[in-house]
Amino acid sequence: MRAVRIVVVINQKGGVGKTTTVANLGAAIASGGCDVCLLDMDPQSHLTLHVGLEPGASDASMYDVMTAEASIASTAVAVAPHLWTVPSVIDLAAAEVELVSTVGREQILRDRLRSQALPFQYVLIDCPPSLGLLTLNALAAADDVLIPLQPHFLALQGLGKLLETVSLVRRRINPGLKVCGVVLCMYETGTRLASEVAADIRSFFGAAQNTATPWSAAHIFQAVVRRNVKLAECPSHGKTIFDYEPASHGAEDYRALAEEFLAHVPAQSPPEAAEPDPAQDPASPEGAG
C-alpha cells in the first residue's frame, strides 16, 4: 500500500489562488517536518517559478515524467527542508497531443506514482486552469481533491462542471477519489459578498453530506486566505510567503490552513525503505552544501 497521500489542487477558473495554495500550503506542511513533493502539471510553470526554480534548468521535468517514463523520485528537486518540486516546462503543453494515441493515457501519472515507493508523505499537484488530459491524469492519480475558491458569485459558476468531472473520474477511472475540502482564497474580511458566498458554499456542501457523491465529506476550511499583497508579490521573487514575508497575514493564514489541513487530511508514515536520500535534502548536513 502506498504511504503517500496524493492531493490534487484544482479549479478550472484561473486566478483563484490555486498555485499560491499549492506552494504555500506545501511549504507550511513541510515546515512541520512532513516530507512534501509538489508536482507542477501546468505548462505555464508558475509553481516552478514560485519555489525559485527556472523552467528548463533541471535535467528532467514533468514533461519527461509524462512522455519518457522518468520517475517522480528522480525528477524531484529539493527546494527547502522536507520540500521537493517536480518542475514544469512549456513542452508539457505538447504532451496532450503527443499522448493522444497512447493506450491508458489518462493513467500515466498514476502509473508513475505507483511504480516505486515514494519518499514523501504528501504529494500536492498543481493543475492547469482547464479540464484537459493533464488535469485528468492528476485526478486519476489522486486520493483527494482540494478546491480553492474565490468568494465571488462568478467563481461559483464553474464549480458544478468541476464536480461533475470529479464524479465522472471517480466512476470510470479512480473509485477512491473524493473531495477533501474547499479553501476560500482572496477573502475580503468584513464584506457582505464574501460572507454570503461563503454561506452558500457551506450550505451546498452541507446538503451533500451522507450522499453518494465524491464531495459528501468535503470540509469547508475555517482558515481562509485573506487578500494580501505580499502573497501576490512573493512568486516574482521565487519564494514562498514564509521566506518572503513570514510575519504577513498571508503567512499567518497558510500556517492556520496547514494546521487544519493536517487534522482533516492526515498523512501515513512513509515506509522505512523509502526514506529520502540525505544527499538530496537541503535540511541535512550532506545536502546543505
Protein backbone atom coordinates (compact mmCIF):
# COMPACT_ATOMS: atom_id res chain seq x y z
CA MET A 1 0.00 0.00 0.00
CA ARG A 2 1.23 3.48 -0.86
CA ALA A 3 2.12 5.54 2.17
CA VAL A 4 1.95 8.86 0.33
CA ARG A 5 -1.25 10.94 0.31
CA ILE A 6 -1.83 12.47 -3.11
CA VAL A 7 -3.86 15.68 -3.22
CA VAL A 8 -4.76 17.49 -6.43
CA VAL A 9 -5.47 21.22 -6.08
CA ILE A 10 -7.82 22.12 -8.87
CA ASN A 11 -10.07 24.80 -10.26
CA GLN A 12 -10.61 25.34 -13.96
CA LYS A 13 -11.02 29.06 -13.34
CA GLY A 14 -7.70 30.90 -13.31
CA GLY A 15 -6.63 33.43 -10.73
CA VAL A 16 -8.35 31.91 -7.70
CA GLY A 17 -5.20 31.16 -5.70
CA LYS A 18 -4.57 27.59 -6.85
CA THR A 19 -0.81 27.79 -7.42
CA THR A 20 -0.38 30.07 -4.41
CA THR A 21 -2.12 27.45 -2.28
CA VAL A 22 -0.01 24.55 -3.56
CA ALA A 23 3.25 26.44 -2.95
CA ASN A 24 2.45 27.90 0.45
CA LEU A 25 0.35 25.08 1.88
CA GLY A 26 3.08 22.66 0.82
CA ALA A 27 5.76 24.84 2.41
CA ALA A 28 3.75 25.17 5.64
CA ILE A 29 3.26 21.40 5.89
CA ALA A 30 6.96 20.80 5.18
CA SER A 31 7.98 23.28 7.87
CA GLY A 32 6.34 20.95 10.39
CA GLY A 33 8.58 18.06 9.35
CA CYS A 34 6.41 16.25 6.80
CA ASP A 35 8.10 15.30 3.53
CA VAL A 36 6.16 17.00 0.73
CA CYS A 37 6.55 16.89 -3.04
CA LEU A 38 4.88 19.45 -5.31
CA LEU A 39 4.08 18.45 -8.90
CA ASP A 40 3.77 21.27 -11.42
CA MET A 41 1.37 19.97 -14.09
CA ASP A 42 0.83 23.43 -15.61
CA PRO A 43 2.88 24.20 -18.76
CA GLN A 44 2.95 27.87 -17.64
CA SER A 45 5.33 26.73 -14.86
CA HIS A 46 4.02 29.21 -12.30
CA LEU A 47 4.55 26.80 -9.40
CA THR A 48 8.08 26.10 -10.60
CA LEU A 49 8.86 29.81 -10.61
CA HIS A 50 7.11 30.34 -7.27
CA VAL A 51 9.53 28.00 -5.47
CA GLY A 52 12.60 29.56 -7.09
CA LEU A 53 13.28 27.12 -9.92
CA GLU A 54 13.94 28.13 -13.52
CA PRO A 55 11.82 26.18 -16.04
CA GLY A 56 14.12 24.05 -18.19
CA ALA A 57 17.10 24.38 -15.86
CA SER A 58 16.68 20.90 -14.38
CA ASP A 59 17.76 17.70 -16.10
CA ALA A 60 14.17 16.44 -16.19
CA SER A 61 10.66 17.76 -15.65
CA MET A 62 7.01 16.73 -15.59
CA TYR A 63 7.25 16.50 -19.38
CA ASP A 64 9.74 13.64 -19.01
CA VAL A 65 7.54 12.01 -16.37
CA MET A 66 4.57 12.09 -18.72
CA THR A 67 6.29 11.21 -22.00
CA ALA A 68 9.60 9.47 -21.25
CA GLU A 69 8.88 7.30 -18.20
CA ALA A 70 11.04 9.38 -15.86
CA SER A 71 10.28 8.60 -12.22
CA ILE A 72 8.87 11.11 -9.76
CA ALA A 73 11.62 10.48 -7.21
CA SER A 74 14.45 11.00 -9.70
CA THR A 75 12.88 14.17 -11.14
CA ALA A 76 12.03 15.90 -7.85
CA VAL A 77 14.27 18.85 -6.94
CA ALA A 78 14.85 19.78 -3.29
CA VAL A 79 13.80 23.41 -2.73
CA ALA A 80 13.62 23.60 1.09
CA PRO A 81 13.92 21.29 4.09
CA HIS A 82 11.40 18.46 3.62
CA LEU A 83 10.10 20.09 0.40
CA TRP A 84 10.66 18.94 -3.18
CA THR A 85 9.24 20.06 -6.54
CA VAL A 86 8.95 18.32 -9.89
CA PRO A 87 9.24 21.32 -12.22
CA SER A 88 7.27 22.05 -15.35
CA VAL A 89 8.35 23.30 -18.78
CA ILE A 90 6.44 24.78 -21.69
CA ASP A 91 6.94 21.50 -23.59
CA LEU A 92 4.36 19.96 -21.27
CA ALA A 93 1.72 21.75 -23.36
CA ALA A 94 2.58 19.40 -26.22
CA ALA A 95 2.16 16.30 -24.08
CA GLU A 96 -1.60 16.16 -24.65
CA VAL A 97 -1.04 15.95 -28.42
CA GLU A 98 1.86 13.51 -28.14
CA LEU A 99 -0.13 11.17 -25.89
CA VAL A 100 -3.36 11.21 -27.90
CA SER A 101 -2.76 7.71 -29.32
CA THR A 102 -1.27 6.24 -26.14
CA VAL A 103 -3.29 3.46 -24.55
CA GLY A 104 -4.24 4.38 -20.98
CA ARG A 105 -3.13 7.99 -21.45
CA GLU A 106 -5.41 9.15 -18.61
CA GLN A 107 -3.48 6.98 -16.11
CA ILE A 108 0.13 7.76 -16.96
CA LEU A 109 0.74 9.88 -13.87
CA ARG A 110 -0.90 7.28 -11.63
CA ASP A 111 1.40 4.61 -13.06
CA ARG A 112 4.47 6.78 -12.42
CA LEU A 113 3.41 7.49 -8.84
CA ARG A 114 2.81 3.81 -8.17
CA SER A 115 5.87 2.46 -9.96
CA GLN A 116 8.07 2.82 -6.86
CA ALA A 117 7.80 3.61 -3.16
CA LEU A 118 7.90 7.39 -2.84
CA PRO A 119 9.94 9.10 -0.08
CA PHE A 120 7.16 11.59 0.68
CA GLN A 121 4.14 11.77 2.96
CA TYR A 122 2.23 14.22 0.76
CA VAL A 123 2.20 14.91 -2.96
CA LEU A 124 0.37 18.12 -3.91
CA ILE A 125 -0.44 18.56 -7.60
CA ASP A 126 -0.92 21.95 -9.27
CA CYS A 127 -3.02 21.68 -12.43
CA PRO A 128 -3.58 23.99 -15.41
CA PRO A 129 -6.79 26.05 -15.38
CA SER A 130 -8.58 23.60 -17.67
CA LEU A 131 -10.08 20.12 -17.57
CA GLY A 132 -7.84 18.58 -20.23
CA LEU A 133 -5.64 15.47 -20.26
CA LEU A 134 -3.10 16.80 -17.77
CA THR A 135 -5.79 17.58 -15.21
CA LEU A 136 -7.47 14.26 -15.90
CA ASN A 137 -4.18 12.48 -15.16
CA ALA A 138 -3.91 14.31 -11.86
CA LEU A 139 -7.48 13.33 -10.89
CA ALA A 140 -6.87 9.73 -11.88
CA ALA A 141 -3.78 9.59 -9.64
CA ALA A 142 -5.10 11.45 -6.59
CA ASP A 143 -6.65 10.35 -3.33
CA ASP A 144 -8.15 13.76 -2.59
CA VAL A 145 -9.30 16.92 -4.36
CA LEU A 146 -8.76 20.30 -2.71
CA ILE A 147 -10.70 23.15 -4.32
CA PRO A 148 -9.57 26.75 -3.83
CA LEU A 149 -12.43 29.18 -4.39
CA GLN A 150 -12.58 32.94 -4.51
CA PRO A 151 -15.74 34.08 -2.69
CA HIS A 152 -17.33 35.76 -5.72
CA PHE A 153 -20.51 34.57 -7.40
CA LEU A 154 -18.77 34.22 -10.77
CA ALA A 155 -16.20 31.93 -9.19
CA LEU A 156 -19.01 29.55 -8.26
CA GLN A 157 -20.33 29.17 -11.80
CA GLY A 158 -17.76 26.59 -12.84
CA LEU A 159 -17.98 24.61 -9.60
CA GLY A 160 -20.74 22.36 -10.93
CA LYS A 161 -18.71 21.43 -14.00
CA LEU A 162 -15.66 20.72 -11.85
CA LEU A 163 -17.63 18.48 -9.50
CA GLU A 164 -19.21 16.74 -12.47
CA THR A 165 -15.72 15.95 -13.79
CA VAL A 166 -14.61 14.66 -10.39
CA SER A 167 -17.69 12.43 -10.25
CA LEU A 168 -17.04 11.10 -13.76
CA VAL A 169 -13.39 10.30 -12.97
CA ARG A 170 -14.46 8.52 -9.80
CA ARG A 171 -16.99 6.37 -11.68
CA ARG A 172 -14.77 5.42 -14.59
CA ILE A 173 -11.11 5.64 -13.52
CA ASN A 174 -10.45 6.30 -9.84
CA PRO A 175 -13.10 4.89 -7.48
CA GLY A 176 -11.26 6.17 -4.40
CA LEU A 177 -11.29 9.83 -5.46
CA LYS A 178 -13.01 12.27 -3.12
CA VAL A 179 -13.19 16.00 -2.45
CA CYS A 180 -11.40 16.52 0.86
CA GLY A 181 -12.24 20.19 1.15
CA VAL A 182 -12.72 23.72 -0.10
CA VAL A 183 -10.49 26.64 0.87
CA LEU A 184 -11.62 30.23 0.40
CA CYS A 185 -8.85 32.37 -1.09
CA MET A 186 -8.54 36.11 -1.68
CA TYR A 187 -11.07 36.53 1.09
CA GLU A 188 -12.06 40.13 1.81
CA THR A 189 -12.84 40.14 5.50
CA GLY A 190 -15.87 42.13 6.52
CA THR A 191 -17.52 42.33 3.10
CA ARG A 192 -21.10 41.22 2.71
CA LEU A 193 -20.40 39.48 -0.60
CA ALA A 194 -17.66 37.27 0.82
CA SER A 195 -19.78 36.19 3.77
CA GLU A 196 -22.80 35.48 1.55
CA VAL A 197 -20.83 33.37 -0.91
CA ALA A 198 -19.13 31.53 1.94
CA ALA A 199 -22.55 30.76 3.42
CA ASP A 200 -23.79 29.48 0.04
CA ILE A 201 -20.75 27.20 -0.28
CA ARG A 202 -21.26 25.78 3.21
CA SER A 203 -24.95 25.25 2.50
CA PHE A 204 -24.27 23.45 -0.78
CA PHE A 205 -21.68 21.06 0.63
CA GLY A 206 -23.65 20.62 3.84
CA ALA A 207 -26.62 19.38 1.80
CA ALA A 208 -24.38 16.76 0.17
CA GLN A 209 -23.47 15.07 3.46
CA ASN A 210 -24.40 11.38 3.68
CA THR A 211 -24.93 11.20 -0.09
CA ALA A 212 -23.08 9.04 -2.62
CA THR A 213 -21.25 11.98 -4.16
CA PRO A 214 -17.43 12.31 -4.05
CA TRP A 215 -17.89 15.55 -2.08
CA SER A 216 -20.19 14.16 0.62
CA ALA A 217 -17.45 14.51 3.27
CA ALA A 218 -15.89 17.73 1.95
CA HIS A 219 -14.60 20.02 4.68
CA ILE A 220 -15.06 23.76 4.27
CA PHE A 221 -11.90 25.08 5.90
CA GLN A 222 -12.46 27.63 8.62
CA ALA A 223 -9.00 29.02 7.88
CA VAL A 224 -9.47 31.41 4.97
CA VAL A 225 -6.71 33.05 2.96
CA ARG A 226 -7.25 36.79 3.07
CA ARG A 227 -6.40 39.02 0.14
CA ASN A 228 -2.80 40.03 0.81
CA VAL A 229 -0.39 41.94 -1.40
CA LYS A 230 2.60 40.02 -0.03
CA LEU A 231 1.11 36.80 -1.37
CA ALA A 232 0.90 38.44 -4.79
CA GLU A 233 4.50 39.66 -4.61
CA CYS A 234 6.35 36.57 -3.41
CA PRO A 235 6.14 34.49 -6.65
CA SER A 236 8.10 37.14 -8.55
CA HIS A 237 10.90 36.68 -6.01
CA GLY A 238 10.86 32.90 -6.32
CA LYS A 239 9.93 32.49 -2.66
CA THR A 240 7.07 31.14 -0.60
CA ILE A 241 5.37 33.59 1.72
CA PHE A 242 7.32 32.15 4.66
CA ASP A 243 10.64 33.12 3.12
CA TYR A 244 9.42 36.39 1.65
CA GLU A 245 7.34 37.89 4.48
CA PRO A 246 6.88 35.43 7.36
CA ALA A 247 5.06 37.99 9.55
CA SER A 248 2.41 38.82 6.94
CA HIS A 249 -1.28 37.94 7.04
CA GLY A 250 -0.65 35.59 4.13
CA ALA A 251 1.88 33.57 6.13
CA GLU A 252 -0.44 33.57 9.14
CA ASP A 253 -3.35 32.29 7.04
CA TYR A 254 -1.39 29.48 5.38
CA ARG A 255 0.01 28.33 8.73
CA ALA A 256 -3.56 28.11 10.05
CA LEU A 257 -4.70 26.34 6.88
CA ALA A 258 -1.85 23.81 7.14
CA GLU A 259 -2.74 23.02 10.75
CA GLU A 260 -6.38 22.45 9.83
CA PHE A 261 -5.43 20.52 6.69
CA LEU A 262 -3.22 18.10 8.62
CA ALA A 263 -6.07 17.44 11.04
CA HIS A 264 -8.55 16.61 8.26
CA VAL A 265 -6.21 15.05 5.68
CA PRO A 266 -3.73 13.08 7.80
CA ALA A 267 -0.67 11.52 6.24
CA GLN A 268 0.53 8.00 6.69
CA SER A 269 4.11 7.40 7.77
CA PRO A 270 6.38 6.56 4.83
CA PRO A 271 7.85 3.04 4.73
CA GLU A 272 11.34 2.77 6.17
CA ALA A 273 12.75 1.55 2.88
CA ALA A 274 11.62 4.76 1.19
CA GLU A 275 13.43 7.29 3.37
CA PRO A 276 14.51 10.40 1.40
CA ASP A 277 18.11 10.44 0.26
CA PRO A 278 20.01 12.75 2.70
CA ALA A 279 22.17 13.96 -0.17
CA GLN A 280 19.06 15.37 -1.82
CA ASP A 281 17.67 17.02 1.34
CA PRO A 282 18.83 20.59 1.94
CA ALA A 283 17.95 20.14 5.61
CA SER A 284 20.66 17.53 6.11
CA PRO A 285 24.40 18.19 6.53
CA GLU A 286 25.11 16.17 3.38
CA GLY A 287 22.59 18.16 1.35
CA ALA A 288 23.43 21.57 2.77
CA GLY A 289 26.38 22.16 0.52
